[in-house]
Protein backbone atom coordinates (compact mmCIF):
# COMPACT_ATOMS: atom_id res chain seq x y z
CA MET A 1 -23.25 3.03 21.67
CA THR A 2 -20.34 4.26 23.77
CA ALA A 3 -19.93 8.03 23.84
CA PRO A 4 -17.36 9.09 21.24
CA THR A 5 -13.99 10.61 21.96
CA ILE A 6 -14.07 14.31 21.01
CA LYS A 7 -11.32 16.43 19.48
CA ILE A 8 -11.53 20.17 18.86
CA CYS A 9 -8.90 21.07 16.27
CA GLY A 10 -7.26 24.39 15.54
CA VAL A 11 -7.34 26.00 18.97
CA THR A 12 -5.37 29.25 19.08
CA THR A 13 -6.13 30.90 22.43
CA PRO A 14 -6.10 30.03 26.15
CA ASP A 15 -9.85 30.76 26.21
CA ALA A 16 -10.41 28.11 23.53
CA ILE A 17 -8.42 25.61 25.59
CA ASP A 18 -10.58 26.43 28.62
CA ALA A 19 -13.73 25.97 26.53
CA CYS A 20 -12.56 22.53 25.37
CA VAL A 21 -11.76 21.47 28.92
CA ALA A 22 -15.07 22.81 30.25
CA ALA A 23 -16.96 20.93 27.51
CA ARG A 24 -15.06 17.74 28.40
CA ALA A 25 -13.39 17.24 25.05
CA GLN A 26 -10.57 14.73 25.34
CA TRP A 27 -8.30 16.29 22.72
CA CYS A 28 -7.42 19.69 21.34
CA GLY A 29 -5.51 20.24 18.12
CA PHE A 30 -2.57 22.57 17.49
CA VAL A 31 -2.08 23.37 13.81
CA PHE A 32 1.49 23.76 12.56
CA PHE A 33 0.79 24.69 8.94
CA ALA A 34 1.61 28.19 7.76
CA LEU A 35 -1.22 28.42 5.22
CA SER A 36 -3.92 27.73 7.82
CA PRO A 37 -5.78 30.56 9.61
CA ARG A 38 -5.27 28.42 12.72
CA ASN A 39 -1.50 28.17 12.38
CA LEU A 40 0.59 28.43 15.53
CA THR A 41 4.22 29.41 15.88
CA PRO A 42 6.24 27.27 18.29
CA SER A 43 6.19 30.07 20.86
CA GLU A 44 2.40 30.38 20.60
CA ALA A 45 2.03 26.60 20.94
CA ALA A 46 4.25 26.61 24.03
CA ILE A 47 2.00 29.19 25.71
CA LEU A 48 -1.10 27.12 24.93
CA ALA A 49 0.55 23.89 26.06
CA GLY A 50 1.51 25.50 29.35
CA HIS A 51 -2.04 26.72 29.81
CA ALA A 52 -3.52 23.30 28.96
CA GLY A 53 -1.16 21.35 31.19
CA ASP A 54 -2.43 17.81 31.60
CA ARG A 55 -6.10 18.82 31.51
CA ILE A 56 -6.54 17.73 27.88
CA GLY A 57 -4.64 15.74 25.26
CA LYS A 58 -2.71 17.75 22.66
CA VAL A 59 -2.48 16.67 19.02
CA GLY A 60 -0.18 18.52 16.62
CA LEU A 61 -1.33 18.75 13.00
CA PHE A 62 1.39 18.78 10.33
CA VAL A 63 1.18 18.82 6.54
CA GLU A 64 4.10 17.13 4.79
CA ALA A 65 6.47 18.55 7.38
CA ASP A 66 10.09 17.46 7.74
CA ASP A 67 11.48 15.95 10.93
CA LEU A 68 12.90 19.26 12.11
CA ALA A 69 9.53 21.02 11.93
CA ILE A 70 7.78 18.11 13.63
CA ALA A 71 10.41 18.00 16.37
CA GLU A 72 9.94 21.72 16.98
CA GLY A 73 6.16 21.32 17.23
CA VAL A 74 6.36 18.26 19.46
CA LYS A 75 8.62 20.06 21.92
CA ALA A 76 6.80 23.41 21.90
CA GLY A 77 3.32 21.92 22.09
CA ALA A 78 4.23 19.19 24.57
CA LEU A 79 2.33 16.95 22.17
CA ASP A 80 0.67 13.68 23.10
CA ALA A 81 0.06 12.68 19.46
CA ILE A 82 1.03 13.70 15.93
CA GLN A 83 -1.53 14.14 13.14
CA LEU A 84 -0.29 13.94 9.54
CA HIS A 85 -2.71 15.78 7.28
CA GLY A 86 -1.00 15.82 3.90
CA HIS A 87 -0.08 13.18 1.35
CA GLU A 88 2.21 11.29 3.70
CA THR A 89 2.77 7.70 2.57
CA PRO A 90 2.51 4.70 4.89
CA GLU A 91 6.30 4.59 4.86
CA ARG A 92 6.63 8.22 5.95
CA THR A 93 3.91 7.73 8.56
CA ALA A 94 5.75 4.76 10.06
CA GLN A 95 8.99 6.73 10.00
CA VAL A 96 7.44 9.60 11.97
CA ARG A 97 5.95 7.17 14.45
CA GLN A 98 9.30 5.50 15.04
CA ARG A 99 11.28 8.74 15.11
CA PHE A 100 9.15 10.51 17.72
CA GLY A 101 7.73 7.65 19.77
CA LEU A 102 4.25 9.19 19.81
CA PRO A 103 0.93 7.90 18.47
CA VAL A 104 0.45 9.04 14.87
CA TRP A 105 -2.96 9.89 13.45
CA LYS A 106 -3.18 9.85 9.65
CA ALA A 107 -5.89 11.94 8.03
CA LEU A 108 -7.27 10.55 4.77
CA PRO A 109 -9.38 12.69 2.42
CA VAL A 110 -12.50 10.81 1.34
CA ALA A 111 -14.69 11.22 -1.73
CA SER A 112 -15.14 7.56 -2.73
CA SER A 113 -14.99 4.03 -1.35
CA ALA A 114 -11.52 3.67 -2.88
CA ASP A 115 -10.33 6.50 -0.63
CA VAL A 116 -11.63 4.62 2.41
CA GLU A 117 -9.86 1.44 1.31
CA ARG A 118 -6.54 3.33 1.36
CA ALA A 119 -6.76 3.18 5.15
CA LEU A 120 -5.73 -0.48 4.94
CA ASP A 121 -2.32 0.60 3.61
CA TYR A 122 -1.58 2.29 6.95
CA ARG A 123 -1.94 -0.84 9.05
CA GLY A 124 1.18 -1.01 11.22
CA ALA A 125 2.16 2.54 10.25
CA ALA A 126 -0.49 4.73 11.91
CA ASP A 127 -2.21 4.43 15.27
CA LEU A 128 -5.48 6.02 14.10
CA ILE A 129 -7.07 6.90 10.78
CA LEU A 130 -9.03 10.15 10.55
CA PHE A 131 -11.46 10.14 7.64
CA ASP A 132 -11.90 13.73 6.44
CA ALA A 133 -13.59 15.42 3.49
CA LYS A 134 -11.57 15.73 0.29
CA THR A 135 -11.13 19.43 -0.44
CA PRO A 136 -10.96 21.01 -3.90
CA LYS A 137 -7.61 21.05 -5.68
CA GLY A 138 -5.55 23.99 -4.51
CA ALA A 139 -7.56 24.45 -1.30
CA LEU A 140 -6.37 23.83 2.24
CA PRO A 141 -6.33 20.11 3.14
CA GLY A 142 -8.82 20.59 5.98
CA GLY A 143 -10.71 23.06 8.14
CA MET A 144 -12.90 24.09 5.22
CA GLY A 145 -16.26 23.09 6.68
CA LEU A 146 -16.80 20.43 4.02
CA ALA A 147 -18.44 17.09 4.77
CA PHE A 148 -18.36 13.89 2.74
CA ASP A 149 -20.83 11.06 2.22
CA TRP A 150 -20.80 9.46 5.66
CA SER A 151 -22.28 6.23 4.33
CA LEU A 152 -18.82 5.50 2.87
CA VAL A 153 -17.48 4.84 6.37
CA ALA A 154 -20.67 3.51 7.98
CA ARG A 155 -19.64 1.12 10.75
CA TRP A 156 -16.12 0.90 9.32
CA ASN A 157 -14.49 -2.22 10.67
CA GLY A 158 -10.92 -1.87 9.49
CA PRO A 159 -7.72 -2.88 11.29
CA LEU A 160 -7.13 0.54 12.88
CA PRO A 161 -8.91 2.80 15.36
CA TRP A 162 -10.56 5.63 13.45
CA GLY A 163 -12.31 8.94 13.66
CA LEU A 164 -14.55 11.19 11.60
CA ALA A 165 -13.82 14.79 10.57
CA GLY A 166 -15.02 17.22 7.93
CA GLY A 167 -17.83 19.71 8.32
CA LEU A 168 -19.00 18.46 11.71
CA ASN A 169 -20.94 20.82 13.97
CA ALA A 170 -23.49 20.72 16.78
CA ALA A 171 -26.38 20.44 14.31
CA ASN A 172 -25.12 17.39 12.40
CA VAL A 173 -22.79 15.43 14.68
CA ALA A 174 -25.58 13.28 16.13
CA GLU A 175 -26.68 12.23 12.63
CA ALA A 176 -23.05 11.59 11.64
CA LEU A 177 -22.60 9.35 14.65
CA ARG A 178 -25.87 7.56 14.02
CA LEU A 179 -24.84 6.74 10.46
CA THR A 180 -21.20 5.88 11.04
CA GLY A 181 -20.77 4.75 14.64
CA ALA A 182 -17.50 6.72 14.63
CA PRO A 183 -15.56 6.22 17.88
CA LEU A 184 -14.00 9.68 17.57
CA VAL A 185 -15.29 12.97 16.13
CA ASP A 186 -13.19 15.99 15.24
CA ALA A 187 -14.52 19.54 14.73
CA SER A 188 -12.72 22.70 13.69
CA SER A 189 -14.56 25.27 11.54
CA GLY A 190 -17.88 23.91 12.82
CA VAL A 191 -17.26 25.46 16.25
CA GLU A 192 -16.07 28.87 15.02
CA THR A 193 -17.54 32.31 14.42
CA ALA A 194 -14.82 33.06 11.82
CA PRO A 195 -11.84 31.09 10.47
CA GLY A 196 -9.61 30.38 13.45
CA VAL A 197 -11.95 31.99 16.01
CA LYS A 198 -13.32 29.30 18.30
CA ASP A 199 -16.62 29.90 20.11
CA ALA A 200 -17.09 28.51 23.61
CA GLY A 201 -20.84 28.11 23.16
CA GLN A 202 -20.45 26.17 19.92
CA ILE A 203 -17.75 23.95 21.46
CA ALA A 204 -20.06 23.15 24.38
CA ALA A 205 -23.00 22.48 22.06
CA PHE A 206 -20.93 20.22 19.83
CA CYS A 207 -19.58 18.17 22.73
CA ASN A 208 -23.02 17.84 24.30
CA ALA A 209 -24.59 16.78 21.00
CA ALA A 210 -21.87 14.20 20.39
CA ARG A 211 -22.24 12.68 23.85
CA SER A 212 -26.03 12.64 23.57
CA ALA A 213 -26.12 10.99 20.14
């Protein structure tokens, strides 16, 4: 199996960026969602983007944001990709992709096989599907440390590139990769000491475990 692509989501400090780069993650995630403990203002994102430079890819996470908010995040974060993490329809996803000319990742919350099948609706609209755990009603849409039944996406062979998120950490990512064959893994709360506080040691351990799986 080829080593997976690795994304560390919800980075908020230059030190976290450095930890991602040192651990050889390919992507870091900037969260533009006010309710998240990992939320960044445009000015904060600009500082992080300047610090990151071209050392790592930058994905901006948005939840049902309008074009103005996305445009602000894209510019401030010097984004390489846009991640839509709300209830965005295939039509809205395609619209964002066309409007901004960047790859669009669409996160889909999974609790059943029917949720996985929804990925087919995004063919031609998204560039990548990110299967994530479905969170309880009223909770944040991600970053909660919840995992789902990985067998639901085992060796998924749909029409789009895809990745796995939801409750991943250094202790379980190898098993997740063994079961699913995911080409990309995405960690957030699983590499933190507290909500929004990334830990360099956990980032390194996660990346090493993913590559060694």
